Amino acid sequence: MARRKRREKRTAVVSTPTPLTKRSARLQRSYRWLGGTGIGILLALLGAAYQYLFGNVSLEYLQPLSRGYEFQIKNDTPSDRVVRSFRVDPPHDQRVVYKTTQNVYAQQNDKGEVALPGGNISYVPAAEFRELDGQKIGANSTLKFRVPPLSSRFWMEPEATIVDIKYELEATNPVLFALELMLQAVNFRSTERSIRYLVANNYWTVSQSKGLDEALRVACRDDDSLSKLDVCDAKR
């Protein structure tokens, strides 16, 4: 008589992670975090070292001229720099306040509108400025240059306006140029720079404001030399 074999019931045993397994997982997460953070710290140190060892390039407004404005670019780095582009860009959607600097004859039509000599439309010569493109600025040296006026009329100048200056420079030294490209690729440093100015009474002052009204309010509050202007009186 055949015996029936008793079927043994088998159950799968699932082992819980041991403390060593948990610690390994935590270590892997820590290594990943340190890897990402380490790259960030390395880039920060690299950028700080670049700034400390190789200096900086700065733009500075100097003074108004009879027709235009004098600026200078100061190169405090040990490498020559080439100006790839330099643009004066007045925002196109802003309200601009101009004033006449001498007596002119104007005509008034039946609607009460005043027409200036040559019409009420003029262009901004500074916006066509290209003479700085391609020029070389020596290491640890300064380049002074003239920016054209903000009005094509010799008898007119802006009483208050916003102007953006955008420029780009690059190192002629191949090692520094490669380093700049690497820092630019990770968005840590850019060869392109943009500075916003409030131009009031022929004086250019750096402004962080988005619009003319706000820029005037801040400048009239903070600068005694500007607080006496008519445009500042209108803000009070």
Protein backbone atom coordinates (compact mmCIF):
# COMPACT_ATOMS: atom_id res chain seq x y z
CA MET A 1 0.00 0.00 0.00
CA ALA A 2 1.55 3.23 -1.13
CA ARG A 3 2.14 5.78 1.50
CA ARG A 4 1.16 9.31 0.88
CA LYS A 5 3.93 11.74 1.34
CA ARG A 6 3.01 14.54 3.60
CA ARG A 7 3.34 17.81 1.76
CA GLU A 8 5.36 20.18 3.79
CA LYS A 9 4.21 23.73 3.88
CA ARG A 10 7.03 26.12 3.19
CA THR A 11 6.90 29.81 3.85
CA ALA A 12 9.26 32.42 2.49
CA VAL A 13 11.11 34.33 5.12
CA VAL A 14 11.73 37.99 4.38
CA SER A 15 14.57 39.42 6.36
CA THR A 16 14.37 42.96 7.61
CA PRO A 17 17.32 45.27 6.98
CA THR A 18 19.97 44.92 9.54
CA PRO A 19 21.41 47.99 11.20
CA LEU A 20 24.42 47.64 8.91
CA THR A 21 22.18 47.77 5.82
CA LYS A 22 20.42 50.88 7.09
CA ARG A 23 23.74 52.53 7.82
CA SER A 24 24.98 51.73 4.31
CA ALA A 25 21.90 53.34 2.80
CA ARG A 26 22.42 56.45 4.90
CA LEU A 27 26.07 56.56 3.87
CA GLN A 28 25.12 56.35 0.20
CA ARG A 29 22.67 59.24 0.59
CA SER A 30 25.34 61.22 2.44
CA TYR A 31 27.88 60.58 -0.30
CA ARG A 32 25.42 61.77 -2.95
CA TRP A 33 24.64 64.92 -0.93
CA LEU A 34 28.32 65.60 -0.31
CA GLY A 35 29.04 65.04 -3.98
CA GLY A 36 26.55 67.70 -5.07
CA THR A 37 27.48 70.06 -2.26
CA GLY A 38 31.15 69.48 -2.85
CA ILE A 39 30.85 70.60 -6.46
CA GLY A 40 29.04 73.73 -5.34
CA ILE A 41 31.67 74.48 -2.71
CA LEU A 42 34.43 73.83 -5.22
CA LEU A 43 32.89 76.26 -7.69
CA ALA A 44 32.44 78.86 -4.96
CA LEU A 45 36.06 78.51 -3.91
CA LEU A 46 37.17 78.61 -7.53
CA GLY A 47 35.17 81.78 -8.14
CA ALA A 48 36.48 83.41 -4.97
CA ALA A 49 40.04 82.47 -5.89
CA TYR A 50 39.54 83.86 -9.39
CA GLN A 51 38.23 87.11 -7.93
CA TYR A 52 41.06 87.36 -5.40
CA LEU A 53 43.92 86.42 -7.71
CA PHE A 54 42.77 87.93 -10.98
CA GLY A 55 40.86 91.03 -9.87
CA ASN A 56 37.89 92.51 -11.66
CA VAL A 57 36.79 94.79 -14.50
CA SER A 58 34.58 97.78 -13.65
CA LEU A 59 32.75 100.55 -15.50
CA GLU A 60 32.64 104.07 -14.08
CA TYR A 61 30.94 107.29 -15.14
CA LEU A 62 33.29 110.29 -14.91
CA GLN A 63 31.75 113.54 -16.12
CA PRO A 64 29.51 115.21 -18.71
CA LEU A 65 31.10 116.66 -21.84
CA SER A 66 29.86 119.41 -24.12
CA ARG A 67 28.30 116.78 -26.36
CA GLY A 68 28.36 113.43 -24.63
CA TYR A 69 29.65 111.77 -21.50
CA GLU A 70 33.02 110.46 -20.32
CA PHE A 71 33.31 106.92 -18.94
CA GLN A 72 36.17 104.62 -18.11
CA ILE A 73 36.66 100.87 -17.93
CA LYS A 74 39.15 99.82 -15.28
CA ASN A 75 40.90 96.48 -15.81
CA ASP A 76 42.32 95.27 -12.49
CA THR A 77 43.23 91.84 -13.83
CA PRO A 78 46.71 90.55 -14.84
CA SER A 79 45.44 89.79 -18.33
CA ASP A 80 44.56 92.00 -21.28
CA ARG A 81 40.86 92.21 -22.07
CA VAL A 82 39.04 92.60 -25.36
CA VAL A 83 35.70 94.38 -25.53
CA ARG A 84 33.41 92.10 -27.49
CA SER A 85 30.48 94.51 -27.34
CA PHE A 86 29.45 97.72 -25.58
CA ARG A 87 25.87 98.97 -25.95
CA VAL A 88 23.95 101.92 -24.55
CA ASP A 89 20.32 100.85 -24.46
CA PRO A 90 17.60 103.25 -23.28
CA PRO A 91 14.44 101.20 -22.52
CA HIS A 92 11.93 101.79 -25.30
CA ASP A 93 8.80 101.71 -23.13
CA GLN A 94 9.78 104.37 -20.60
CA ARG A 95 8.60 107.92 -20.10
CA VAL A 96 11.47 110.38 -20.77
CA VAL A 97 11.65 113.95 -19.45
CA TYR A 98 13.70 116.29 -21.69
CA LYS A 99 14.48 119.97 -21.28
CA THR A 100 15.85 122.69 -23.57
CA THR A 101 19.23 124.15 -22.69
CA GLN A 102 18.73 127.39 -24.63
CA ASN A 103 15.92 129.48 -26.00
CA VAL A 104 14.27 128.04 -29.10
CA TYR A 105 11.33 129.12 -31.22
CA ALA A 106 8.40 126.74 -31.12
CA GLN A 107 5.06 126.77 -32.91
CA GLN A 108 1.66 126.08 -31.41
CA ASN A 109 -1.16 124.67 -33.50
CA ASP A 110 -4.92 125.13 -33.14
CA LYS A 111 -5.14 122.22 -30.69
CA GLY A 112 -2.65 123.82 -28.34
CA GLU A 113 0.11 121.36 -29.20
CA VAL A 114 3.64 122.72 -29.33
CA ALA A 115 5.99 121.76 -32.16
CA LEU A 116 9.73 122.13 -31.62
CA PRO A 117 12.14 123.13 -34.42
CA GLY A 118 12.74 120.12 -36.62
CA GLY A 119 9.76 118.27 -35.13
CA ASN A 120 9.13 116.63 -31.79
CA ILE A 121 10.84 113.37 -32.70
CA SER A 122 14.59 112.91 -32.35
CA TYR A 123 16.89 109.94 -31.96
CA VAL A 124 19.44 108.92 -29.32
CA PRO A 125 23.01 109.00 -30.74
CA ALA A 126 24.32 107.01 -27.76
CA ALA A 127 22.26 104.02 -28.90
CA GLU A 128 24.39 103.86 -32.08
CA PHE A 129 27.69 103.74 -30.16
CA ARG A 130 29.93 100.91 -31.46
CA GLU A 131 33.42 102.43 -31.32
CA LEU A 132 34.48 100.38 -28.29
CA ASP A 133 33.86 97.00 -29.91
CA GLY A 134 37.10 95.06 -30.46
CA GLN A 135 39.30 97.42 -28.46
CA LYS A 136 41.91 95.94 -26.13
CA ILE A 137 42.30 97.06 -22.52
CA GLY A 138 45.74 96.33 -21.10
CA ALA A 139 46.28 94.46 -17.85
CA ASN A 140 46.03 96.68 -14.77
CA SER A 141 45.15 99.71 -16.86
CA THR A 142 42.25 102.07 -17.52
CA LEU A 143 40.57 103.03 -20.78
CA LYS A 144 38.70 106.36 -20.94
CA PHE A 145 36.18 106.92 -23.72
CA ARG A 146 33.33 109.17 -24.80
CA VAL A 147 29.71 108.08 -25.07
CA PRO A 148 27.62 110.21 -27.49
CA PRO A 149 24.77 112.39 -26.18
CA LEU A 150 21.29 111.11 -25.39
CA SER A 151 19.67 113.60 -27.76
CA SER A 152 20.47 114.51 -31.36
CA ARG A 153 19.41 118.13 -30.67
CA PHE A 154 22.29 120.23 -29.38
CA TRP A 155 19.82 122.42 -27.48
CA MET A 156 18.10 119.55 -25.69
CA GLU A 157 19.17 117.12 -22.97
CA PRO A 158 17.32 114.62 -20.78
CA GLU A 159 16.22 115.97 -17.45
CA ALA A 160 15.52 112.46 -16.23
CA THR A 161 15.74 109.11 -18.00
CA ILE A 162 16.73 105.48 -17.47
CA VAL A 163 19.62 104.04 -19.49
CA ASP A 164 20.99 100.49 -19.50
CA ILE A 165 24.62 99.84 -20.43
CA LYS A 166 25.42 96.27 -21.46
CA TYR A 167 28.95 95.18 -22.22
CA GLU A 168 30.96 92.00 -22.62
CA LEU A 169 34.69 91.50 -22.20
CA GLU A 170 36.90 88.44 -22.45
CA ALA A 171 40.45 87.63 -21.40
CA THR A 172 43.12 87.34 -24.06
CA ASN A 173 45.03 84.86 -21.87
CA PRO A 174 43.89 81.37 -23.00
CA VAL A 175 44.04 79.90 -19.47
CA LEU A 176 41.93 82.66 -17.96
CA PHE A 177 39.60 82.58 -20.94
CA ALA A 178 39.05 78.82 -20.47
CA LEU A 179 38.44 79.35 -16.76
CA GLU A 180 35.89 82.07 -17.49
CA LEU A 181 34.08 79.80 -19.94
CA MET A 182 33.95 77.03 -17.34
CA LEU A 183 32.51 79.36 -14.68
CA GLN A 184 30.04 80.75 -17.22
CA ALA A 185 28.91 77.25 -18.22
CA VAL A 186 27.75 76.56 -14.64
CA ASN A 187 26.16 80.03 -14.32
CA PHE A 188 28.65 81.08 -11.66
CA ARG A 189 30.22 83.97 -13.54
CA SER A 190 29.33 85.75 -16.76
CA THR A 191 31.40 87.78 -19.19
CA GLU A 192 28.26 89.80 -19.98
CA ARG A 193 27.38 92.64 -17.62
CA SER A 194 24.47 95.04 -17.42
CA ILE A 195 24.26 98.24 -15.38
CA ARG A 196 21.17 100.45 -15.09
CA TYR A 197 21.67 104.20 -14.69
CA LEU A 198 19.40 107.04 -13.80
CA VAL A 199 20.50 110.05 -15.87
CA ALA A 200 19.35 113.29 -14.21
CA ASN A 201 20.79 116.74 -14.87
CA ASN A 202 23.56 115.12 -16.95
CA TYR A 203 24.70 113.01 -13.99
CA TRP A 204 24.67 109.21 -14.24
CA THR A 205 24.00 107.26 -11.06
CA VAL A 206 23.59 103.50 -10.73
CA SER A 207 20.00 102.48 -10.07
CA GLN A 208 18.29 99.19 -9.21
CA SER A 209 14.81 100.54 -9.93
CA LYS A 210 12.69 99.12 -12.71
CA GLY A 211 11.02 102.38 -13.73
CA LEU A 212 11.80 106.08 -13.95
CA ASP A 213 9.39 107.19 -11.23
CA GLU A 214 10.82 104.80 -8.68
CA ALA A 215 14.40 105.64 -9.68
CA LEU A 216 13.69 109.35 -9.23
CA ARG A 217 12.04 108.82 -5.88
CA VAL A 218 15.04 106.92 -4.53
CA ALA A 219 17.62 109.30 -6.03
CA CYS A 220 15.84 112.43 -4.79
CA ARG A 221 15.68 110.92 -1.33
CA ASP A 222 19.29 109.72 -1.15
CA ASP A 223 21.30 112.31 -3.12
CA ASP A 224 21.42 115.95 -2.01
CA SER A 225 22.83 117.10 -5.35
CA LEU A 226 19.76 115.71 -7.13
CA SER A 227 17.18 116.72 -4.54
CA LYS A 228 17.33 120.34 -5.77
CA LEU A 229 16.22 119.47 -9.30
CA ASP A 230 12.79 120.37 -10.64
CA VAL A 231 11.99 116.70 -11.22
CA CYS A 232 12.58 116.07 -7.52
CA ASP A 233 10.36 119.00 -6.55
CA ALA A 234 7.60 117.38 -8.56
CA LYS A 235 7.97 114.18 -6.49
CA ARG A 236 7.39 115.97 -3.19
